[in-house]
Amino acid sequence: MSGPKERDQPAAEPNPPALNNHAITPKQPINTMGLSEKEREVLRWAVQGKTVWEISQIRAVSPATVKFHLHNIYSKLQVGNRVQAVAEAVKRGLCE
């Protein structure tokens, strides 16, 4: 015999409609956070553990240019340093 609590509660929906309307999966970036193509490239190399000097050699630019892009990345991702930027990029799937 069911108690009063069980009778008064509606049955739970197995798949609530609001959850079925979203096609975004956790690995898809919602957007690129306003990063330019050059910033995304620098960020991809940073995620792979490349140093400023290594990135500058790969991209054939000065280390100062790489640092400039990194500081823009920090600002756009609202982080304070390279480690946080890499973590945020991985979390948001920006470098896949």
PDB file of N, CA and C in Angstrom:
ATOM      1  N   MET A   1       0.836  -1.173   0.000  1.00  0.00           N
ATOM      2  CA  MET A   1       0.000   0.000   0.000  1.00  0.00           C
ATOM      3  C   MET A   1       0.884   1.241   0.000  1.00  0.00           C
ATOM      4  N   SER A   2       0.588   2.202  -0.838  1.00  0.00           N
ATOM      5  CA  SER A   2       1.380   3.419  -0.954  1.00  0.00           C
ATOM      6  C   SER A   2       1.013   4.395   0.131  1.00  0.00           C
ATOM      7  N   GLY A   3       2.051   5.071   0.649  1.00  0.00           N
ATOM      8  CA  GLY A   3       1.826   6.096   1.649  1.00  0.00           C
ATOM      9  C   GLY A   3       1.400   7.393   0.987  1.00  0.00           C
ATOM     10  N   PRO A   4       0.965   8.395   1.763  1.00  0.00           N
ATOM     11  CA  PRO A   4       0.495   9.655   1.186  1.00  0.00           C
ATOM     12  C   PRO A   4       1.590  10.404   0.416  1.00  0.00           C
ATOM     13  N   LYS A   5       2.849  10.281   0.821  1.00  0.00           N
ATOM     14  CA  LYS A   5       3.921  11.000   0.132  1.00  0.00           C
ATOM     15  C   LYS A   5       4.093  10.490  -1.294  1.00  0.00           C
ATOM     16  N   GLU A   6       4.029   9.175  -1.494  1.00  0.00           N
ATOM     17  CA  GLU A   6       4.227   8.599  -2.819  1.00  0.00           C
ATOM     18  C   GLU A   6       3.080   8.955  -3.761  1.00  0.00           C
ATOM     19  N   ARG A   7       1.861   9.021  -3.248  1.00  0.00           N
ATOM     20  CA  ARG A   7       0.690   9.297  -4.052  1.00  0.00           C
ATOM     21  C   ARG A   7       0.652  10.746  -4.532  1.00  0.00           C
ATOM     22  N   ASP A   8       1.133  11.685  -3.718  1.00  0.00           N
ATOM     23  CA  ASP A   8       1.017  13.104  -4.024  1.00  0.00           C
ATOM     24  C   ASP A   8       2.093  13.612  -4.980  1.00  0.00           C
ATOM     25  N   GLN A   9       3.150  12.858  -5.191  1.00  0.00           N
ATOM     26  CA  GLN A   9       4.242  13.329  -6.039  1.00  0.00           C
ATOM     27  C   GLN A   9       4.063  12.822  -7.468  1.00  0.00           C
ATOM     28  N   PRO A  10       4.249  13.720  -8.457  1.00  0.00           N
ATOM     29  CA  PRO A  10       4.141  13.264  -9.849  1.00  0.00           C
ATOM     30  C   PRO A  10       5.328  12.371 -10.208  1.00  0.00           C
ATOM     31  N   ALA A  11       5.103  11.497 -11.155  1.00  0.00           N
ATOM     32  CA  ALA A  11       6.183  10.615 -11.611  1.00  0.00           C
ATOM     33  C   ALA A  11       7.247  11.451 -12.312  1.00  0.00           C
ATOM     34  N   ALA A  12       8.489  11.126 -12.073  1.00  0.00           N
ATOM     35  CA  ALA A  12       9.595  11.857 -12.697  1.00  0.00           C
ATOM     36  C   ALA A  12       9.690  11.482 -14.169  1.00  0.00           C
ATOM     37  N   GLU A  13       9.935  12.502 -15.000  1.00  0.00           N
ATOM     38  CA  GLU A  13      10.112  12.249 -16.430  1.00  0.00           C
ATOM     39  C   GLU A  13      11.514  11.698 -16.660  1.00  0.00           C
ATOM     40  N   PRO A  14      11.669  10.643 -17.454  1.00  0.00           N
ATOM     41  CA  PRO A  14      13.000  10.080 -17.677  1.00  0.00           C
ATOM     42  C   PRO A  14      13.929  11.046 -18.415  1.00  0.00           C
ATOM     43  N   ASN A  15      13.421  11.797 -19.368  1.00  0.00           N
ATOM     44  CA  ASN A  15      14.216  12.773 -20.118  1.00  0.00           C
ATOM     45  C   ASN A  15      13.447  14.083 -20.180  1.00  0.00           C
ATOM     46  N   PRO A  16      13.694  14.983 -19.244  1.00  0.00           N
ATOM     47  CA  PRO A  16      12.962  16.248 -19.261  1.00  0.00           C
ATOM     48  C   PRO A  16      13.130  16.949 -20.605  1.00  0.00           C
ATOM     49  N   PRO A  17      12.059  17.529 -21.155  1.00  0.00           N
ATOM     50  CA  PRO A  17      12.113  18.150 -22.473  1.00  0.00           C
ATOM     51  C   PRO A  17      13.191  19.219 -22.595  1.00  0.00           C
ATOM     52  N   ALA A  18      13.433  19.985 -21.560  1.00  0.00           N
ATOM     53  CA  ALA A  18      14.425  21.058 -21.631  1.00  0.00           C
ATOM     54  C   ALA A  18      15.824  20.518 -21.911  1.00  0.00           C
ATOM     55  N   LEU A  19      16.122  19.323 -21.454  1.00  0.00           N
ATOM     56  CA  LEU A  19      17.445  18.750 -21.662  1.00  0.00           C
ATOM     57  C   LEU A  19      17.609  18.161 -23.058  1.00  0.00           C
ATOM     58  N   ASN A  20      16.515  17.830 -23.703  1.00  0.00           N
ATOM     59  CA  ASN A  20      16.579  17.214 -25.026  1.00  0.00           C
ATOM     60  C   ASN A  20      16.775  18.229 -26.144  1.00  0.00           C
ATOM     61  N   ASN A  21      16.628  19.513 -25.863  1.00  0.00           N
ATOM     62  CA  ASN A  21      16.701  20.542 -26.894  1.00  0.00           C
ATOM     63  C   ASN A  21      18.106  21.047 -27.149  1.00  0.00           C
ATOM     64  N   HIS A  22      19.095  20.562 -26.440  1.00  0.00           N
ATOM     65  CA  HIS A  22      20.453  21.082 -26.564  1.00  0.00           C
ATOM     66  C   HIS A  22      21.335  20.097 -27.316  1.00  0.00           C
ATOM     67  N   ALA A  23      21.963  20.596 -28.396  1.00  0.00           N
ATOM     68  CA  ALA A  23      22.832  19.748 -29.210  1.00  0.00           C
ATOM     69  C   ALA A  23      24.295  19.900 -28.829  1.00  0.00           C
ATOM     70  N   ILE A  24      24.605  20.788 -27.894  1.00  0.00           N
ATOM     71  CA  ILE A  24      25.995  21.031 -27.517  1.00  0.00           C
ATOM     72  C   ILE A  24      26.463  19.926 -26.582  1.00  0.00           C
ATOM     73  N   THR A  25      27.594  19.332 -26.933  1.00  0.00           N
ATOM     74  CA  THR A  25      28.187  18.324 -26.069  1.00  0.00           C
ATOM     75  C   THR A  25      29.323  18.975 -25.290  1.00  0.00           C
ATOM     76  N   PRO A  26      29.760  18.394 -24.188  1.00  0.00           N
ATOM     77  CA  PRO A  26      30.813  19.014 -23.384  1.00  0.00           C
ATOM     78  C   PRO A  26      32.104  19.286 -24.140  1.00  0.00           C
ATOM     79  N   LYS A  27      32.424  18.522 -25.178  1.00  0.00           N
ATOM     80  CA  LYS A  27      33.684  18.716 -25.894  1.00  0.00           C
ATOM     81  C   LYS A  27      33.597  19.809 -26.949  1.00  0.00           C
ATOM     82  N   GLN A  28      32.408  20.264 -27.289  1.00  0.00           N
ATOM     83  CA  GLN A  28      32.273  21.309 -28.293  1.00  0.00           C
ATOM     84  C   GLN A  28      32.436  22.670 -27.639  1.00  0.00           C
ATOM     85  N   PRO A  29      33.267  23.544 -28.224  1.00  0.00           N
ATOM     86  CA  PRO A  29      33.358  24.888 -27.667  1.00  0.00           C
ATOM     87  C   PRO A  29      32.083  25.651 -27.960  1.00  0.00           C
ATOM     88  N   ILE A  30      31.574  26.375 -26.982  1.00  0.00           N
ATOM     89  CA  ILE A  30      30.390  27.189 -27.194  1.00  0.00           C
ATOM     90  C   ILE A  30      30.728  28.292 -28.193  1.00  0.00           C
ATOM     91  N   ASN A  31      31.911  28.851 -28.077  1.00  0.00           N
ATOM     92  CA  ASN A  31      32.438  29.812 -29.046  1.00  0.00           C
ATOM     93  C   ASN A  31      33.949  29.843 -28.875  1.00  0.00           C
ATOM     94  N   THR A  32      34.585  30.706 -29.603  1.00  0.00           N
ATOM     95  CA  THR A  32      36.043  30.774 -29.500  1.00  0.00           C
ATOM     96  C   THR A  32      36.475  31.864 -28.535  1.00  0.00           C
ATOM     97  N   MET A  33      35.554  32.364 -27.745  1.00  0.00           N
ATOM     98  CA  MET A  33      35.850  33.367 -26.717  1.00  0.00           C
ATOM     99  C   MET A  33      36.433  34.645 -27.323  1.00  0.00           C
ATOM    100  N   GLY A  34      36.161  34.894 -28.585  1.00  0.00           N
ATOM    101  CA  GLY A  34      36.663  36.094 -29.224  1.00  0.00           C
ATOM    102  C   GLY A  34      38.133  36.047 -29.588  1.00  0.00           C
ATOM    103  N   LEU A  35      38.737  34.864 -29.516  1.00  0.00           N
ATOM    104  CA  LEU A  35      40.157  34.731 -29.839  1.00  0.00           C
ATOM    105  C   LEU A  35      40.363  34.801 -31.350  1.00  0.00           C
ATOM    106  N   SER A  36      41.399  35.518 -31.763  1.00  0.00           N
ATOM    107  CA  SER A  36      41.751  35.566 -33.179  1.00  0.00           C
ATOM    108  C   SER A  36      42.377  34.235 -33.584  1.00  0.00           C
ATOM    109  N   GLU A  37      42.535  34.040 -34.884  1.00  0.00           N
ATOM    110  CA  GLU A  37      43.164  32.808 -35.372  1.00  0.00           C
ATOM    111  C   GLU A  37      44.593  32.685 -34.845  1.00  0.00           C
ATOM    112  N   LYS A  38      45.331  33.788 -34.827  1.00  0.00           N
ATOM    113  CA  LYS A  38      46.713  33.760 -34.318  1.00  0.00           C
ATOM    114  C   LYS A  38      46.735  33.429 -32.829  1.00  0.00           C
ATOM    115  N   GLU A  39      45.799  34.001 -32.075  1.00  0.00           N
ATOM    116  CA  GLU A  39      45.720  33.707 -30.635  1.00  0.00           C
ATOM    117  C   GLU A  39      45.374  32.244 -30.403  1.00  0.00           C
ATOM    118  N   ARG A  40      44.456  31.711 -31.206  1.00  0.00           N
ATOM    119  CA  ARG A  40      44.102  30.291 -31.059  1.00  0.00           C
ATOM    120  C   ARG A  40      45.299  29.399 -31.378  1.00  0.00           C
ATOM    121  N   GLU A  41      46.085  29.790 -32.382  1.00  0.00           N
ATOM    122  CA  GLU A  41      47.276  29.003 -32.722  1.00  0.00           C
ATOM    123  C   GLU A  41      48.289  29.030 -31.579  1.00  0.00           C
ATOM    124  N   VAL A  42      48.540  30.213 -31.021  1.00  0.00           N
ATOM    125  CA  VAL A  42      49.464  30.328 -29.882  1.00  0.00           C
ATOM    126  C   VAL A  42      48.939  29.504 -28.710  1.00  0.00           C
ATOM    127  N   LEU A  43      47.652  29.572 -28.464  1.00  0.00           N
ATOM    128  CA  LEU A  43      47.060  28.817 -27.362  1.00  0.00           C
ATOM    129  C   LEU A  43      47.195  27.311 -27.595  1.00  0.00           C
ATOM    130  N   ARG A  44      46.993  26.861 -28.826  1.00  0.00           N
ATOM    131  CA  ARG A  44      47.161  25.426 -29.127  1.00  0.00           C
ATOM    132  C   ARG A  44      48.581  24.970 -28.811  1.00  0.00           C
ATOM    133  N   TRP A  45      49.579  25.786 -29.178  1.00  0.00           N
ATOM    134  CA  TRP A  45      50.964  25.429 -28.872  1.00  0.00           C
ATOM    135  C   TRP A  45      51.213  25.464 -27.363  1.00  0.00           C
ATOM    136  N   ALA A  46      50.626  26.426 -26.676  1.00  0.00           N
ATOM    137  CA  ALA A  46      50.785  26.514 -25.219  1.00  0.00           C
ATOM    138  C   ALA A  46      50.188  25.282 -24.539  1.00  0.00           C
ATOM    139  N   VAL A  47      49.037  24.833 -25.031  1.00  0.00           N
ATOM    140  CA  VAL A  47      48.401  23.632 -24.479  1.00  0.00           C
ATOM    141  C   VAL A  47      49.323  22.423 -24.647  1.00  0.00           C
ATOM    142  N   GLN A  48      50.093  22.402 -25.720  1.00  0.00           N
ATOM    143  CA  GLN A  48      51.021  21.296 -25.957  1.00  0.00           C
ATOM    144  C   GLN A  48      52.316  21.443 -25.165  1.00  0.00           C
ATOM    145  N   GLY A  49      52.423  22.516 -24.381  1.00  0.00           N
ATOM    146  CA  GLY A  49      53.583  22.678 -23.512  1.00  0.00           C
ATOM    147  C   GLY A  49      54.758  23.414 -24.122  1.00  0.00           C
ATOM    148  N   LYS A  50      54.553  24.034 -25.271  1.00  0.00           N
ATOM    149  CA  LYS A  50      55.646  24.771 -25.912  1.00  0.00           C
ATOM    150  C   LYS A  50      55.941  26.056 -25.142  1.00  0.00           C
ATOM    151  N   THR A  51      57.208  26.438 -25.110  1.00  0.00           N
ATOM    152  CA  THR A  51      57.620  27.685 -24.458  1.00  0.00           C
ATOM    153  C   THR A  51      57.373  28.856 -25.401  1.00  0.00           C
ATOM    154  N   VAL A  52      57.490  30.063 -24.854  1.00  0.00           N
ATOM    155  CA  VAL A  52      57.351  31.264 -25.678  1.00  0.00           C
ATOM    156  C   VAL A  52      58.362  31.224 -26.816  1.00  0.00           C
ATOM    157  N   TRP A  53      59.607  30.886 -26.491  1.00  0.00           N
ATOM    158  CA  TRP A  53      60.649  30.839 -27.514  1.00  0.00           C
ATOM    159  C   TRP A  53      60.313  29.812 -28.594  1.00  0.00           C
ATOM    160  N   GLU A  54      59.874  28.607 -28.170  1.00  0.00           N
ATOM    161  CA  GLU A  54      59.527  27.566 -29.146  1.00  0.00           C
ATOM    162  C   GLU A  54      58.381  28.010 -30.052  1.00  0.00           C
ATOM    163  N   ILE A  55      57.367  28.628 -29.458  1.00  0.00           N
ATOM    164  CA  ILE A  55      56.238  29.111 -30.257  1.00  0.00           C
ATOM    165  C   ILE A  55      56.709  30.181 -31.236  1.00  0.00           C
ATOM    166  N   SER A  56      57.601  31.047 -30.782  1.00  0.00           N
ATOM    167  CA  SER A  56      58.105  32.100 -31.671  1.00  0.00           C
ATOM    168  C   SER A  56      58.870  31.500 -32.853  1.00  0.00           C
ATOM    169  N   GLN A  57      59.615  30.430 -32.618  1.00  0.00           N
ATOM    170  CA  GLN A  57      60.352  29.775 -33.700  1.00  0.00           C
ATOM    171  C   GLN A  57      59.396  29.071 -34.670  1.00  0.00           C
ATOM    172  N   ILE A  58      58.384  28.414 -34.127  1.00  0.00           N
ATOM    173  CA  ILE A  58      57.396  27.715 -34.955  1.00  0.00           C
ATOM    174  C   ILE A  58      56.644  28.708 -35.843  1.00  0.00           C
ATOM    175  N   ARG A  59      56.245  29.827 -35.254  1.00  0.00           N
ATOM    176  CA  ARG A  59      55.437  30.818 -35.978  1.00  0.00           C
ATOM    177  C   ARG A  59      56.278  31.838 -36.738  1.00  0.00           C
ATOM    178  N   ALA A  60      57.590  31.795 -36.572  1.00  0.00           N
ATOM    179  CA  ALA A  60      58.501  32.745 -37.232  1.00  0.00           C
ATOM    180  C   ALA A  60      58.166  34.192 -36.861  1.00  0.00           C
ATOM    181  N   VAL A  61      57.979  34.403 -35.558  1.00  0.00           N
ATOM    182  CA  VAL A  61      57.742  35.742 -35.017  1.00  0.00           C
ATOM    183  C   VAL A  61      58.647  35.918 -33.804  1.00  0.00           C
ATOM    184  N   SER A  62      58.687  37.122 -33.273  1.00  0.00           N
ATOM    185  CA  SER A  62      59.526  37.366 -32.102  1.00  0.00           C
ATOM    186  C   SER A  62      58.850  36.829 -30.838  1.00  0.00           C
ATOM    187  N   PRO A  63      59.641  36.531 -29.811  1.00  0.00           N
ATOM    188  CA  PRO A  63      59.055  36.137 -28.527  1.00  0.00           C
ATOM    189  C   PRO A  63      58.111  37.218 -27.984  1.00  0.00           C
ATOM    190  N   ALA A  64      58.422  38.479 -28.255  1.00  0.00           N
ATOM    191  CA  ALA A  64      57.548  39.569 -27.795  1.00  0.00           C
ATOM    192  C   ALA A  64      56.162  39.469 -28.435  1.00  0.00           C
ATOM    193  N   THR A  65      56.114  39.056 -29.691  1.00  0.00           N
ATOM    194  CA  THR A  65      54.822  38.887 -30.373  1.00  0.00           C
ATOM    195  C   THR A  65      54.025  37.757 -29.728  1.00  0.00           C
ATOM    196  N   VAL A  66      54.688  36.669 -29.395  1.00  0.00           N
ATOM    197  CA  VAL A  66      54.016  35.551 -28.727  1.00  0.00           C
ATOM    198  C   VAL A  66      53.483  36.015 -27.374  1.00  0.00           C
ATOM    199  N   LYS A  67      54.289  36.757 -26.623  1.00  0.00           N
ATOM    200  CA  LYS A  67      53.852  37.273 -25.321  1.00  0.00           C
ATOM    201  C   LYS A  67      52.658  38.205 -25.483  1.00  0.00           C
ATOM    202  N   PHE A  68      52.676  39.016 -26.534  1.00  0.00           N
ATOM    203  CA  PHE A  68      51.553  39.914 -26.821  1.00  0.00           C
ATOM    204  C   PHE A  68      50.271  39.099 -27.011  1.00  0.00           C
ATOM    205  N   HIS A  69      50.350  38.046 -27.823  1.00  0.00           N
ATOM    206  CA  HIS A  69      49.180  37.194 -28.050  1.00  0.00           C
ATOM    207  C   HIS A  69      48.745  36.511 -26.754  1.00  0.00           C
ATOM    208  N   LEU A  70      49.708  36.039 -25.962  1.00  0.00           N
ATOM    209  CA  LEU A  70      49.364  35.386 -24.694  1.00  0.00           C
ATOM    210  C   LEU A  70      48.631  36.335 -23.758  1.00  0.00           C
ATOM    211  N   HIS A  71      49.086  37.576 -23.671  1.00  0.00           N
ATOM    212  CA  HIS A  71      48.409  38.539 -22.793  1.00  0.00           C
ATOM    213  C   HIS A  71      46.996  38.840 -23.288  1.00  0.00           C
ATOM    214  N   ASN A  72      46.810  38.890 -24.609  1.00  0.00           N
ATOM    215  CA  ASN A  72      45.458  39.058 -25.150  1.00  0.00           C
ATOM    216  C   ASN A  72      44.585  37.852 -24.812  1.00  0.00           C
ATOM    217  N   ILE A  73      45.165  36.670 -24.888  1.00  0.00           N
ATOM    218  CA  ILE A  73      44.450  35.440 -24.540  1.00  0.00           C
ATOM    219  C   ILE A  73      44.020  35.483 -23.075  1.00  0.00           C
ATOM    220  N   TYR A  74      44.932  35.864 -22.188  1.00  0.00           N
ATOM    221  CA  TYR A  74      44.606  35.937 -20.756  1.00  0.00           C
ATOM    222  C   TYR A  74      43.426  36.868 -20.533  1.00  0.00           C
ATOM    223  N   SER A  75      43.451  37.993 -21.203  1.00  0.00           N
ATOM    224  CA  SER A  75      42.382  38.975 -21.047  1.00  0.00           C
ATOM    225  C   SER A  75      41.047  38.417 -21.545  1.00  0.00           C
ATOM    226  N   LYS A  76      41.057  37.824 -22.712  1.00  0.00           N
ATOM    227  CA  LYS A  76      39.817  37.316 -23.303  1.00  0.00           C
ATOM    228  C   LYS A  76      39.254  36.120 -22.542  1.00  0.00           C
ATOM    229  N   LEU A  77      40.124  35.299 -21.982  1.00  0.00           N
ATOM    230  CA  LEU A  77      39.662  34.146 -21.204  1.00  0.00           C
ATOM    231  C   LEU A  77      39.431  34.501 -19.737  1.00  0.00           C
ATOM    232  N   GLN A  78      39.752  35.732 -19.383  1.00  0.00           N
ATOM    233  CA  GLN A  78      39.599  36.233 -18.011  1.00  0.00           C
ATOM    234  C   GLN A  78      40.382  35.374 -17.016  1.00  0.00           C
ATOM    235  N   VAL A  79      41.656  35.166 -17.354  1.00  0.00           N
ATOM    236  CA  VAL A  79      42.555  34.417 -16.477  1.00  0.00           C
ATOM    237  C   VAL A  79      43.791  35.265 -16.217  1.00  0.00           C
ATOM    238  N   GLY A  80      44.601  34.845 -15.258  1.00  0.00           N
ATOM    239  CA  GLY A  80      45.750  35.637 -14.871  1.00  0.00           C
ATOM    240  C   GLY A  80      47.096  35.144 -15.350  1.00  0.00           C
ATOM    241  N   ASN A  81      47.149  33.900 -15.847  1.00  0.00           N
ATOM    242  CA  ASN A  81      48.450  33.380 -16.266  1.00  0.00           C
ATOM    243  C   ASN A  81      48.282  32.245 -17.275  1.00  0.00           C
ATOM    244  N   ARG A  82      49.413  31.758 -17.733  1.00  0.00           N
ATOM    245  CA  ARG A  82      49.446  30.730 -18.774  1.00  0.00           C
ATOM    246  C   ARG A  82      48.804  29.417 -18.318  1.00  0.00           C
ATOM    247  N   VAL A  83      49.088  28.999 -17.105  1.00  0.00           N
ATOM    248  CA  VAL A  83      48.520  27.742 -16.595  1.00  0.00           C
ATOM    249  C   VAL A  83      46.997  27.825 -16.579  1.00  0.00           C
ATOM    250  N   GLN A  84      46.465  28.941 -16.111  1.00  0.00           N
ATOM    251  CA  GLN A  84      45.012  29.121 -16.085  1.00  0.00           C
ATOM    252  C   GLN A  84      44.437  29.174 -17.498  1.00  0.00           C
ATOM    253  N   ALA A  85      45.156  29.804 -18.420  1.00  0.00           N
ATOM    254  CA  ALA A  85      44.694  29.884 -19.812  1.00  0.00           C
ATOM    255  C   ALA A  85      44.622  28.493 -20.434  1.00  0.00           C
ATOM    256  N   VAL A  86      45.647  27.690 -20.199  1.00  0.00           N
ATOM    257  CA  VAL A  86      45.669  26.326 -20.729  1.00  0.00           C
ATOM    258  C   VAL A  86      44.526  25.517 -20.118  1.00  0.00           C
ATOM    259  N   ALA A  87      44.332  25.635 -18.814  1.00  0.00           N
ATOM    260  CA  ALA A  87      43.246  24.905 -18.148  1.00  0.00           C
ATOM    261  C   ALA A  87      41.891  25.323 -18.705  1.00  0.00           C
ATOM    262  N   GLU A  88      41.697  26.602 -18.911  1.00  0.00           N
ATOM    263  CA  GLU A  88      40.435  27.119 -19.444  1.00  0.00           C
ATOM    264  C   GLU A  88      40.220  26.634 -20.883  1.00  0.00           C
ATOM    265  N   ALA A  89      41.278  26.633 -21.669  1.00  0.00           N
ATOM    266  CA  ALA A  89      41.181  26.165 -23.058  1.00  0.00           C
ATOM    267  C   ALA A  89      40.790  24.694 -23.113  1.00  0.00           C
ATOM    268  N   VAL A  90      41.397  23.896 -22.253  1.00  0.00           N
ATOM    269  CA  VAL A  90      41.078  22.467 -22.206  1.00  0.00           C
ATOM    270  C   VAL A  90      39.640  22.278 -21.736  1.00  0.00           C
ATOM    271  N   LYS A  91      39.258  22.994 -20.701  1.00  0.00           N
ATOM    272  CA  LYS A  91      37.905  22.893 -20.143  1.00  0.00           C
ATOM    273  C   LYS A  91      36.844  23.242 -21.186  1.00  0.00           C
ATOM    274  N   ARG A  92      37.102  24.283 -21.970  1.00  0.00           N
ATOM    275  CA  ARG A  92      36.135  24.740 -22.970  1.00  0.00           C
ATOM    276  C   ARG A  92      36.285  24.051 -24.321  1.00  0.00           C
ATOM    277  N   GLY A  93      37.298  23.211 -24.457  1.00  0.00           N
ATOM    278  CA  GLY A  93      37.505  22.519 -25.721  1.00  0.00           C
ATOM    279  C   GLY A  93      37.936  23.438 -26.848  1.00  0.00           C
ATOM    280  N   LEU A  94      38.662  24.487 -26.515  1.00  0.00           N
ATOM    281  CA  LEU A  94      39.052  25.478 -27.520  1.00  0.00           C
ATOM    282  C   LEU A  94      40.177  25.014 -28.424  1.00  0.00           C
ATOM    283  N   CYS A  95      40.883  23.990 -28.049  1.00  0.00           N
ATOM    284  CA  CYS A  95      42.084  23.594 -28.804  1.00  0.00           C
ATOM    285  C   CYS A  95      41.987  22.192 -29.371  1.00  0.00           C
ATOM    286  N   GLU A  96      40.798  21.737 -29.639  1.00  0.00           N
ATOM    287  CA  GLU A  96      40.645  20.374 -30.167  1.00  0.00           C
ATOM    288  C   GLU A  96      40.599  20.390 -31.664  1.00  0.00           C
TER     289      GLU A  96
END
